[in-house]
Amino acid sequence: MRRFTITLKSNKLFKGLVAAVFWVGVWQLISMAVAQELLVPAPLAVLSALSGLIKTMEFWRITGISLARIMLGFLSGIAAGCIAAALTTRFKAADCIISPFLRIVRATPVASFTILALVWINNDWLPVFISFLMVVPIVWSNLESGIKQIDVQLLEMAKVYRLGFLKTLIFVRIPSVMPYFMAACATAMGFSWKSGIAAEVISRPGLSVGRQLYNAKIYLETPGVFAWTITVVLISLCLEKLLAAAAKKFGSRFNA
């Protein structure tokens, strides 16, 4: 079984490498066809720009600050989404008030909120707010569905055995909604990161990935734009992997 797992992972890694080589090759061909670095820089030029960035402390400082901002919005959004789901599934009045607002937020483009929020919120805090705003509806929607799908018979059995509110919450409700919660976190992380970077591009806080992207575009440093974009993608992939690992760990714990 272990040998089979290793072989499967090796096959996935090989397929991933083949796909990466293929698309880098396509990128190189497009760059050669266009023959203008200002429009489509070659992969080696972008790699050189990225390696130059990675060697500087400023790069790590900027990416760390952007990540901290967006994670603050992400975690705040998760908390608010959980509270909103608990309220809307428990109280009809809360559902009438909160649900329409969150549906409007979910349907409104990120750029609209960002431009409006610029009037009221400091540039440094705008990415936090936008990340928060994008996460809340996703977590609320998934958790609300999860809460409504809890097996009524399990709740009745908890009442029969007089487990009480706390034990019912720990042993029945949380395990039942955990798959919905982890799915919401995985989806919300991607939206939070992308919307947070977009907010940084518009608001341009002093130290931020979004400002670096904007500056590279203004000064026509196309390899720099590609390098910072690759940084955003790599961080997003790392965050997804961490969330997947956390989901696996917590899922096995609750299933046990």
Protein backbone atom coordinates (compact mmCIF):
# COMPACT_ATOMS: atom_id res chain seq x y z
CA MET A 1 0.00 0.00 0.00
CA ARG A 2 2.82 2.36 0.91
CA ARG A 3 4.67 1.56 -2.35
CA PHE A 4 1.46 2.22 -4.30
CA THR A 5 1.04 5.61 -2.57
CA ILE A 6 4.64 6.58 -3.37
CA THR A 7 4.16 5.52 -7.01
CA LEU A 8 0.94 7.54 -7.23
CA LYS A 9 2.64 10.63 -5.84
CA SER A 10 5.56 10.16 -8.25
CA ASN A 11 3.15 9.95 -11.18
CA LYS A 12 1.37 13.12 -10.08
CA LEU A 13 4.70 14.91 -9.70
CA PHE A 14 5.83 13.73 -13.14
CA LYS A 15 2.58 14.86 -14.76
CA GLY A 16 2.88 18.22 -13.00
CA LEU A 17 6.42 18.69 -14.28
CA VAL A 18 5.41 17.76 -17.82
CA ALA A 19 2.53 20.26 -17.72
CA ALA A 20 4.84 22.97 -16.34
CA VAL A 21 7.46 22.35 -19.04
CA PHE A 22 4.78 22.41 -21.74
CA TRP A 23 3.32 25.76 -20.66
CA VAL A 24 6.73 27.34 -20.14
CA GLY A 25 7.54 26.22 -23.68
CA VAL A 26 4.34 27.84 -24.96
CA TRP A 27 5.25 31.00 -23.06
CA GLN A 28 8.73 31.00 -24.64
CA LEU A 29 7.28 30.56 -28.13
CA ILE A 30 4.82 33.43 -27.62
CA SER A 31 7.65 35.63 -26.31
CA MET A 32 9.78 34.81 -29.36
CA ALA A 33 6.86 35.47 -31.72
CA VAL A 34 6.05 38.85 -30.16
CA ALA A 35 9.75 39.72 -29.81
CA GLN A 36 9.05 42.60 -27.43
CA GLU A 37 9.96 42.19 -23.76
CA LEU A 38 7.66 45.10 -22.91
CA LEU A 39 4.66 42.99 -23.97
CA VAL A 40 5.69 39.38 -23.25
CA PRO A 41 9.05 38.88 -21.51
CA ALA A 42 10.86 35.57 -21.89
CA PRO A 43 10.68 33.04 -19.02
CA LEU A 44 14.41 33.50 -18.30
CA ALA A 45 13.96 37.28 -17.99
CA VAL A 46 11.11 36.78 -15.52
CA LEU A 47 13.10 34.17 -13.60
CA SER A 48 16.01 36.60 -13.39
CA ALA A 49 13.71 39.34 -12.08
CA LEU A 50 12.15 36.96 -9.55
CA SER A 51 15.52 35.68 -8.30
CA GLY A 52 16.67 39.29 -7.92
CA LEU A 53 13.60 40.08 -5.81
CA ILE A 54 13.94 36.99 -3.61
CA LYS A 55 17.51 37.94 -2.68
CA THR A 56 16.38 41.22 -1.09
CA MET A 57 15.04 41.61 2.45
CA GLU A 58 12.55 44.16 1.15
CA PHE A 59 10.82 41.43 -0.88
CA TRP A 60 10.25 39.25 2.19
CA ARG A 61 9.16 42.24 4.24
CA ILE A 62 6.62 43.33 1.62
CA THR A 63 5.19 39.85 1.06
CA GLY A 64 5.04 39.25 4.82
CA ILE A 65 3.11 42.47 5.45
CA SER A 66 0.67 41.77 2.59
CA LEU A 67 0.14 38.23 3.85
CA ALA A 68 -0.45 39.49 7.41
CA ARG A 69 -3.01 42.03 6.21
CA ILE A 70 -4.96 39.53 4.13
CA MET A 71 -4.81 36.78 6.77
CA LEU A 72 -6.24 39.24 9.32
CA GLY A 73 -9.16 39.91 7.00
CA PHE A 74 -9.51 36.19 6.25
CA LEU A 75 -9.64 35.12 9.91
CA SER A 76 -11.98 37.98 10.84
CA GLY A 77 -14.24 37.00 7.93
CA ILE A 78 -14.35 33.38 9.09
CA ALA A 79 -15.38 34.45 12.58
CA ALA A 80 -18.06 36.82 11.26
CA GLY A 81 -19.33 34.21 8.79
CA CYS A 82 -19.68 31.60 11.55
CA ILE A 83 -21.61 34.04 13.74
CA ALA A 84 -23.83 35.07 10.83
CA ALA A 85 -24.62 31.42 9.98
CA ALA A 86 -25.46 30.64 13.61
CA LEU A 87 -27.79 33.64 13.80
CA THR A 88 -29.58 33.15 10.47
CA THR A 89 -30.27 29.46 11.11
CA ARG A 90 -31.47 30.12 14.64
CA PHE A 91 -33.52 33.33 14.36
CA LYS A 92 -35.91 34.26 11.54
CA ALA A 93 -35.47 37.97 12.21
CA ALA A 94 -31.70 37.65 11.83
CA ASP A 95 -32.20 35.71 8.60
CA CYS A 96 -34.46 38.46 7.19
CA ILE A 97 -31.90 41.17 8.07
CA ILE A 98 -28.53 39.50 7.42
CA SER A 99 -29.16 37.16 4.47
CA PRO A 100 -30.13 39.83 1.87
CA PHE A 101 -27.11 41.96 2.79
CA LEU A 102 -24.66 39.06 2.45
CA ARG A 103 -26.18 38.02 -0.87
CA ILE A 104 -25.69 41.57 -2.17
CA VAL A 105 -22.07 41.55 -0.95
CA ARG A 106 -21.45 38.23 -2.70
CA ALA A 107 -22.88 39.54 -5.98
CA THR A 108 -21.07 42.90 -5.98
CA PRO A 109 -17.70 43.18 -7.82
CA VAL A 110 -14.59 43.57 -5.65
CA ALA A 111 -13.55 46.74 -7.48
CA SER A 112 -16.82 48.48 -6.59
CA PHE A 113 -16.38 47.86 -2.87
CA THR A 114 -12.71 48.83 -3.04
CA ILE A 115 -13.41 52.19 -4.71
CA LEU A 116 -16.27 52.97 -2.33
CA ALA A 117 -14.29 51.94 0.74
CA LEU A 118 -11.39 54.22 -0.25
CA VAL A 119 -13.56 57.14 0.87
CA TRP A 120 -13.89 55.86 4.45
CA ILE A 121 -10.98 53.51 5.17
CA ASN A 122 -7.24 54.14 5.43
CA ASN A 123 -5.18 52.69 2.58
CA ASP A 124 -3.28 50.33 4.91
CA TRP A 125 -6.52 48.83 6.24
CA LEU A 126 -8.45 48.65 2.99
CA PRO A 127 -7.04 45.21 1.93
CA VAL A 128 -8.00 43.86 5.37
CA PHE A 129 -11.56 45.11 4.97
CA ILE A 130 -11.94 43.83 1.39
CA SER A 131 -10.57 40.39 2.32
CA PHE A 132 -12.95 40.30 5.27
CA LEU A 133 -15.89 41.31 3.10
CA MET A 134 -15.20 38.61 0.50
CA VAL A 135 -14.86 35.83 3.09
CA VAL A 136 -17.99 36.44 5.17
CA PRO A 137 -20.63 35.50 2.52
CA ILE A 138 -18.74 32.35 1.50
CA VAL A 139 -18.38 31.05 5.06
CA TRP A 140 -21.94 32.05 5.94
CA SER A 141 -23.45 30.32 2.90
CA ASN A 142 -21.53 27.05 3.38
CA LEU A 143 -22.06 26.87 7.13
CA GLU A 144 -25.75 27.67 6.80
CA SER A 145 -26.11 24.76 4.39
CA GLY A 146 -24.12 22.53 6.75
CA ILE A 147 -26.21 23.45 9.78
CA LYS A 148 -29.43 22.77 7.88
CA GLN A 149 -28.10 19.35 6.81
CA ILE A 150 -27.40 18.13 10.36
CA ASP A 151 -29.18 14.81 10.93
CA VAL A 152 -32.27 15.50 13.04
CA GLN A 153 -32.14 11.96 14.44
CA LEU A 154 -28.68 12.64 15.88
CA LEU A 155 -29.99 15.76 17.59
CA GLU A 156 -32.97 13.81 18.95
CA MET A 157 -30.64 11.10 20.25
CA ALA A 158 -28.53 13.78 21.96
CA LYS A 159 -31.68 15.04 23.69
CA VAL A 160 -32.67 11.51 24.77
CA TYR A 161 -29.24 10.92 26.31
CA ARG A 162 -29.27 14.43 27.81
CA LEU A 163 -25.90 15.39 26.43
CA GLY A 164 -26.56 19.06 27.00
CA PHE A 165 -25.75 22.02 24.75
CA LEU A 166 -21.94 21.85 25.00
CA LYS A 167 -21.56 18.10 24.37
CA THR A 168 -24.12 18.22 21.55
CA LEU A 169 -22.16 21.03 20.00
CA ILE A 170 -18.83 19.18 20.29
CA PHE A 171 -19.93 15.65 19.38
CA VAL A 172 -22.82 16.26 16.95
CA ARG A 173 -23.00 19.74 15.46
CA ILE A 174 -19.31 20.53 14.87
CA PRO A 175 -18.44 17.14 13.26
CA SER A 176 -21.51 17.46 11.03
CA VAL A 177 -20.65 20.93 9.72
CA MET A 178 -16.85 20.49 9.63
CA PRO A 179 -16.73 19.35 5.94
CA TYR A 180 -18.76 22.43 4.98
CA PHE A 181 -16.53 24.66 7.10
CA MET A 182 -13.29 23.35 5.60
CA ALA A 183 -14.70 23.66 2.07
CA ALA A 184 -15.69 27.24 2.87
CA CYS A 185 -12.19 28.02 4.19
CA ALA A 186 -10.54 26.58 1.07
CA THR A 187 -12.75 28.62 -1.25
CA ALA A 188 -12.60 31.76 0.88
CA MET A 189 -8.80 31.67 1.07
CA GLY A 190 -8.47 31.98 -2.69
CA PHE A 191 -11.01 34.80 -2.87
CA SER A 192 -9.48 36.56 0.13
CA TRP A 193 -5.95 36.50 -1.25
CA LYS A 194 -6.91 37.62 -4.77
CA SER A 195 -9.29 40.34 -3.60
CA GLY A 196 -6.78 41.56 -1.02
CA ILE A 197 -4.05 41.93 -3.66
CA ALA A 198 -6.53 43.67 -5.99
CA ALA A 199 -7.38 46.09 -3.18
CA GLU A 200 -3.66 46.74 -2.67
CA VAL A 201 -3.22 47.53 -6.37
CA ILE A 202 -6.02 50.13 -6.16
CA SER A 203 -5.22 51.62 -2.72
CA ARG A 204 -1.41 51.17 -2.94
CA PRO A 205 -0.42 50.94 0.76
CA GLY A 206 3.20 51.83 1.52
CA LEU A 207 4.51 48.28 1.78
CA SER A 208 2.45 45.85 -0.24
CA VAL A 209 2.63 43.41 -3.13
CA GLY A 210 -0.14 45.33 -4.87
CA ARG A 211 1.88 48.55 -4.83
CA GLN A 212 4.89 46.72 -6.29
CA LEU A 213 2.71 45.35 -9.08
CA TYR A 214 1.34 48.83 -9.79
CA ASN A 215 4.80 50.42 -9.78
CA ALA A 216 6.23 47.74 -12.09
CA LYS A 217 3.38 48.39 -14.52
CA ILE A 218 3.77 52.20 -14.36
CA TYR A 219 7.53 52.02 -14.97
CA LEU A 220 7.01 49.47 -17.80
CA GLU A 221 8.97 46.77 -15.97
CA THR A 222 7.02 43.87 -17.46
CA PRO A 223 9.37 41.15 -16.12
CA GLY A 224 8.77 42.65 -12.66
CA VAL A 225 5.00 42.48 -13.18
CA PHE A 226 5.33 38.80 -14.13
CA ALA A 227 7.68 38.14 -11.18
CA TRP A 228 5.30 39.67 -8.63
CA THR A 229 2.36 37.85 -10.24
CA ILE A 230 4.22 34.54 -9.90
CA THR A 231 4.86 35.43 -6.24
CA VAL A 232 1.13 35.94 -5.71
CA VAL A 233 0.34 32.60 -7.38
CA LEU A 234 2.99 30.68 -5.41
CA ILE A 235 1.79 32.10 -2.09
CA SER A 236 -1.79 31.22 -3.02
CA LEU A 237 -0.77 27.62 -3.82
CA CYS A 238 1.14 27.34 -0.52
CA LEU A 239 -1.88 28.60 1.43
CA GLU A 240 -4.12 26.07 -0.36
CA LYS A 241 -1.72 23.24 0.54
CA LEU A 242 -1.66 24.33 4.18
CA LEU A 243 -5.45 24.44 4.29
CA ALA A 244 -5.68 21.00 2.65
CA ALA A 245 -3.28 19.59 5.25
CA ALA A 246 -5.28 21.22 8.05
CA ALA A 247 -8.53 19.85 6.62
CA LYS A 248 -7.07 16.35 6.48
CA LYS A 249 -5.79 16.56 10.04
CA PHE A 250 -8.97 17.96 11.57
CA GLY A 251 -11.16 15.72 9.46
CA SER A 252 -9.42 12.58 10.70
CA ARG A 253 -9.59 13.85 14.28
CA PHE A 254 -13.34 14.41 14.16
CA ASN A 255 -13.95 11.15 12.31
CA ALA A 256 -12.03 9.32 15.00
